[in-house]
Amino acid sequence: MESTLFSGLNKRKARNFSIFLACSLFAWFLSNLSDSYESRTIFILNYKNLPDSLLLGNKANKTLEGKVRTSGFQLLYFNVFSKRMDIDISKVIYRDGQYLLTEDVLKKQMERQLSQNVSLLDLDGNQWPVDLYQVAQKVLPVKPQTEFKFEPNYILDGALEVSPDSILVKGPAREIDSINEVKTNPIVLKDISEDFSSET
């Protein structure tokens, strides 16, 4: 009986000690998170305001690493949810055969999107290459692909009216130079005995 009583007291003390220890560790953790730290973090880039004369290539970098100073809470958030940054691509410069965003331009844009308790210390590199290329454009005629079957004693009177009859195509010059027309999806109409129209 006495042994059972002491065993119960020891279990209660151990449980109480574990609770106090957990609370102490949690309070210590929160206290440390409120302090300021410097760390590197990843930003996800969202390019905007692309000039009409340029197109974004498939190899454009979607992330950028930077060093920030902020509270532990904010760093924890950055590590769980990467911060998205809108980047104004109209600020690019052309140098040595490639399009670049300078560190100053990037930092100014990114700092405007960060909260006041986050300091952006530096970025990964003094300049940031962006995969852009010049756009060529060409007006191409639209060619309908049709198969018509008329009722007996009916024929097509005059040429087909196509709207639009041409479209403006933009892209790399090497890709659109060899294109001379744009074909519609196949249009098949049967038993025609009156005026008709079709969308594709």
Protein backbone atom coordinates (compact mmCIF):
# COMPACT_ATOMS: atom_id res chain seq x y z
CA MET A 1 0.00 0.00 0.00
CA GLU A 2 2.79 2.43 0.96
CA SER A 3 4.73 1.49 -2.17
CA THR A 4 1.71 2.22 -4.36
CA LEU A 5 1.24 5.65 -2.70
CA PHE A 6 4.88 6.66 -3.30
CA SER A 7 4.65 5.39 -6.89
CA GLY A 8 1.60 7.59 -7.49
CA LEU A 9 3.34 10.64 -5.98
CA ASN A 10 6.43 10.08 -8.13
CA LYS A 11 4.33 9.83 -11.27
CA ARG A 12 2.51 13.05 -10.39
CA LYS A 13 5.82 14.84 -9.74
CA ALA A 14 7.26 13.56 -13.01
CA ARG A 15 4.17 14.74 -14.91
CA ASN A 16 4.24 18.16 -13.26
CA PHE A 17 7.96 18.48 -13.95
CA SER A 18 7.41 17.57 -17.61
CA ILE A 19 4.67 20.21 -17.92
CA PHE A 20 6.83 22.92 -16.33
CA LEU A 21 9.79 21.91 -18.50
CA ALA A 22 7.68 22.05 -21.67
CA CYS A 23 6.29 25.47 -20.69
CA SER A 24 9.81 26.76 -19.96
CA LEU A 25 11.14 25.50 -23.28
CA PHE A 26 8.17 27.05 -25.13
CA ALA A 27 8.70 30.39 -23.38
CA TRP A 28 12.43 30.26 -24.21
CA PHE A 29 11.59 29.42 -27.85
CA LEU A 30 9.18 32.37 -28.13
CA SER A 31 11.71 34.68 -26.50
CA ASN A 32 14.37 33.70 -29.02
CA LEU A 33 12.01 34.09 -31.96
CA SER A 34 11.35 37.69 -30.98
CA ASP A 35 15.08 38.51 -31.33
CA SER A 36 16.53 39.87 -34.59
CA TYR A 37 18.55 37.57 -36.87
CA GLU A 38 20.32 37.62 -40.21
CA SER A 39 19.71 34.76 -42.60
CA ARG A 40 19.46 33.89 -46.27
CA THR A 41 16.06 33.16 -47.73
CA ILE A 42 14.50 32.33 -51.10
CA PHE A 43 12.16 34.72 -52.92
CA ILE A 44 9.81 33.59 -55.70
CA LEU A 45 9.82 36.02 -58.63
CA ASN A 46 6.75 37.08 -60.56
CA TYR A 47 7.76 39.09 -63.64
CA LYS A 48 5.43 41.93 -64.65
CA ASN A 49 5.20 44.83 -67.14
CA LEU A 50 6.95 43.00 -69.96
CA PRO A 51 7.57 45.41 -72.89
CA ASP A 52 5.71 44.60 -76.11
CA SER A 53 9.02 44.18 -77.90
CA LEU A 54 10.23 41.40 -75.58
CA LEU A 55 9.11 37.93 -74.56
CA LEU A 56 10.08 35.98 -71.45
CA GLY A 57 12.02 32.81 -72.23
CA ASN A 58 11.50 29.39 -70.69
CA LYS A 59 14.85 29.58 -68.89
CA ALA A 60 13.99 32.69 -66.86
CA ASN A 61 14.90 32.19 -63.22
CA LYS A 62 11.85 31.95 -60.96
CA THR A 63 13.66 32.26 -57.63
CA LEU A 64 16.26 34.57 -56.10
CA GLU A 65 18.25 34.17 -52.88
CA GLY A 66 18.78 37.16 -50.61
CA LYS A 67 20.07 37.96 -47.14
CA VAL A 68 17.60 39.57 -44.73
CA ARG A 69 17.58 40.81 -41.15
CA THR A 70 14.34 40.36 -39.26
CA SER A 71 12.74 38.64 -36.27
CA GLY A 72 12.85 34.90 -35.79
CA PHE A 73 9.10 34.78 -36.31
CA GLN A 74 9.43 36.34 -39.76
CA LEU A 75 12.35 34.08 -40.72
CA LEU A 76 10.33 31.06 -39.66
CA TYR A 77 7.52 32.25 -41.90
CA PHE A 78 9.94 32.78 -44.83
CA ASN A 79 11.25 29.24 -44.40
CA VAL A 80 7.76 27.75 -44.48
CA PHE A 81 6.19 30.07 -47.09
CA SER A 82 8.57 31.58 -49.65
CA LYS A 83 7.89 35.29 -50.18
CA ARG A 84 6.59 36.21 -53.64
CA MET A 85 8.02 39.30 -55.30
CA ASP A 86 6.58 41.22 -58.26
CA ILE A 87 9.46 42.29 -60.50
CA ASP A 88 8.98 45.12 -63.02
CA ILE A 89 10.73 43.71 -66.06
CA SER A 90 10.51 47.03 -67.94
CA LYS A 91 13.57 48.14 -65.90
CA VAL A 92 15.94 45.70 -67.67
CA ILE A 93 19.07 46.91 -69.41
CA TYR A 94 20.79 45.28 -72.37
CA ARG A 95 24.50 44.67 -71.83
CA ASP A 96 27.03 42.28 -73.39
CA GLY A 97 24.39 40.36 -75.31
CA GLN A 98 21.98 39.76 -72.44
CA TYR A 99 19.20 41.47 -70.53
CA LEU A 100 19.98 42.35 -66.92
CA LEU A 101 18.37 43.76 -63.80
CA THR A 102 20.90 45.47 -61.53
CA GLU A 103 21.00 44.77 -57.81
CA ASP A 104 19.97 48.37 -57.02
CA VAL A 105 16.86 48.10 -59.20
CA LEU A 106 15.93 44.72 -57.74
CA LYS A 107 16.49 45.82 -54.14
CA LYS A 108 14.35 48.94 -54.53
CA GLN A 109 11.50 46.94 -56.00
CA MET A 110 11.72 44.20 -53.36
CA GLU A 111 12.10 46.52 -50.38
CA ARG A 112 8.82 48.23 -51.27
CA GLN A 113 7.09 44.85 -50.91
CA LEU A 114 8.65 43.86 -47.58
CA SER A 115 7.23 44.86 -44.22
CA GLN A 116 9.03 47.54 -42.20
CA ASN A 117 10.55 45.02 -39.78
CA VAL A 118 12.38 43.22 -42.62
CA SER A 119 15.69 44.61 -43.93
CA LEU A 120 17.01 43.32 -47.25
CA LEU A 121 20.79 43.31 -46.82
CA ASP A 122 22.02 41.94 -50.14
CA LEU A 123 21.08 39.76 -53.09
CA ASP A 124 22.78 36.85 -54.79
CA GLY A 125 24.92 38.76 -57.30
CA ASN A 126 25.39 42.37 -58.41
CA GLN A 127 23.27 41.85 -61.51
CA TRP A 128 20.49 39.48 -62.41
CA PRO A 129 20.26 38.05 -65.96
CA VAL A 130 16.73 37.60 -67.33
CA ASP A 131 15.96 35.23 -70.21
CA LEU A 132 14.34 37.64 -72.68
CA TYR A 133 14.36 37.81 -76.45
CA GLN A 134 13.26 40.28 -79.08
CA VAL A 135 9.83 39.74 -80.55
CA ALA A 136 9.25 39.57 -84.29
CA GLN A 137 5.72 39.95 -85.64
CA LYS A 138 4.02 38.92 -88.83
CA VAL A 139 0.48 39.15 -90.24
CA LEU A 140 -0.62 35.74 -91.50
CA PRO A 141 -3.73 34.84 -93.55
CA VAL A 142 -6.24 32.46 -91.97
CA LYS A 143 -6.91 29.41 -94.11
CA PRO A 144 -10.09 27.47 -93.24
CA GLN A 145 -9.94 23.66 -93.44
CA THR A 146 -13.39 22.71 -94.66
CA GLU A 147 -15.34 19.74 -95.94
CA PHE A 148 -18.83 20.56 -97.26
CA LYS A 149 -21.51 18.19 -98.50
CA PHE A 150 -24.56 19.79 -100.09
CA GLU A 151 -28.07 18.53 -100.65
CA PRO A 152 -28.83 17.69 -104.30
CA ASN A 153 -29.06 20.74 -106.58
CA TYR A 154 -27.23 23.00 -104.06
CA ILE A 155 -23.76 24.50 -104.54
CA LEU A 156 -21.54 27.07 -102.87
CA ASP A 157 -22.25 30.48 -104.37
CA GLY A 158 -19.14 32.65 -104.17
CA ALA A 159 -16.11 32.49 -101.91
CA LEU A 160 -16.20 31.72 -98.20
CA GLU A 161 -16.13 34.69 -95.87
CA VAL A 162 -13.58 34.18 -93.09
CA SER A 163 -13.49 36.44 -90.04
CA PRO A 164 -10.88 37.35 -89.10
CA ASP A 165 -9.16 36.72 -92.40
CA SER A 166 -5.72 37.31 -90.88
CA ILE A 167 -4.05 37.38 -87.46
CA LEU A 168 -0.94 38.98 -85.99
CA VAL A 169 1.61 36.44 -84.81
CA LYS A 170 4.45 37.32 -82.43
CA GLY A 171 7.46 35.25 -81.48
CA PRO A 172 11.14 34.57 -82.15
CA ALA A 173 12.02 35.47 -85.74
CA ARG A 174 13.60 32.07 -86.34
CA GLU A 175 10.29 30.37 -85.49
CA ILE A 176 7.78 32.54 -87.36
CA ASP A 177 9.80 33.19 -90.52
CA SER A 178 8.84 29.78 -91.92
CA ILE A 179 5.11 30.16 -91.18
CA ASN A 180 3.06 31.44 -94.12
CA GLU A 181 -0.52 30.83 -92.98
CA VAL A 182 -2.64 29.79 -90.03
CA LYS A 183 -5.07 26.92 -90.51
CA THR A 184 -8.33 26.58 -88.62
CA ASN A 185 -9.53 23.39 -87.01
CA PRO A 186 -11.28 21.09 -89.51
CA ILE A 187 -14.88 22.12 -90.24
CA VAL A 188 -17.20 19.38 -91.58
CA LEU A 189 -20.76 20.31 -92.61
CA LYS A 190 -23.21 17.89 -94.24
CA ASP A 191 -26.60 18.12 -95.93
CA ILE A 192 -26.29 21.85 -96.59
CA SER A 193 -29.36 23.42 -98.17
CA GLU A 194 -29.27 27.01 -96.81
CA ASP A 195 -26.91 29.75 -95.69
CA PHE A 196 -24.58 28.63 -92.91
CA SER A 197 -21.91 29.86 -90.51
CA SER A 198 -19.55 28.00 -88.19
CA GLU A 199 -17.12 28.91 -85.44
CA THR A 200 -13.88 27.11 -84.73
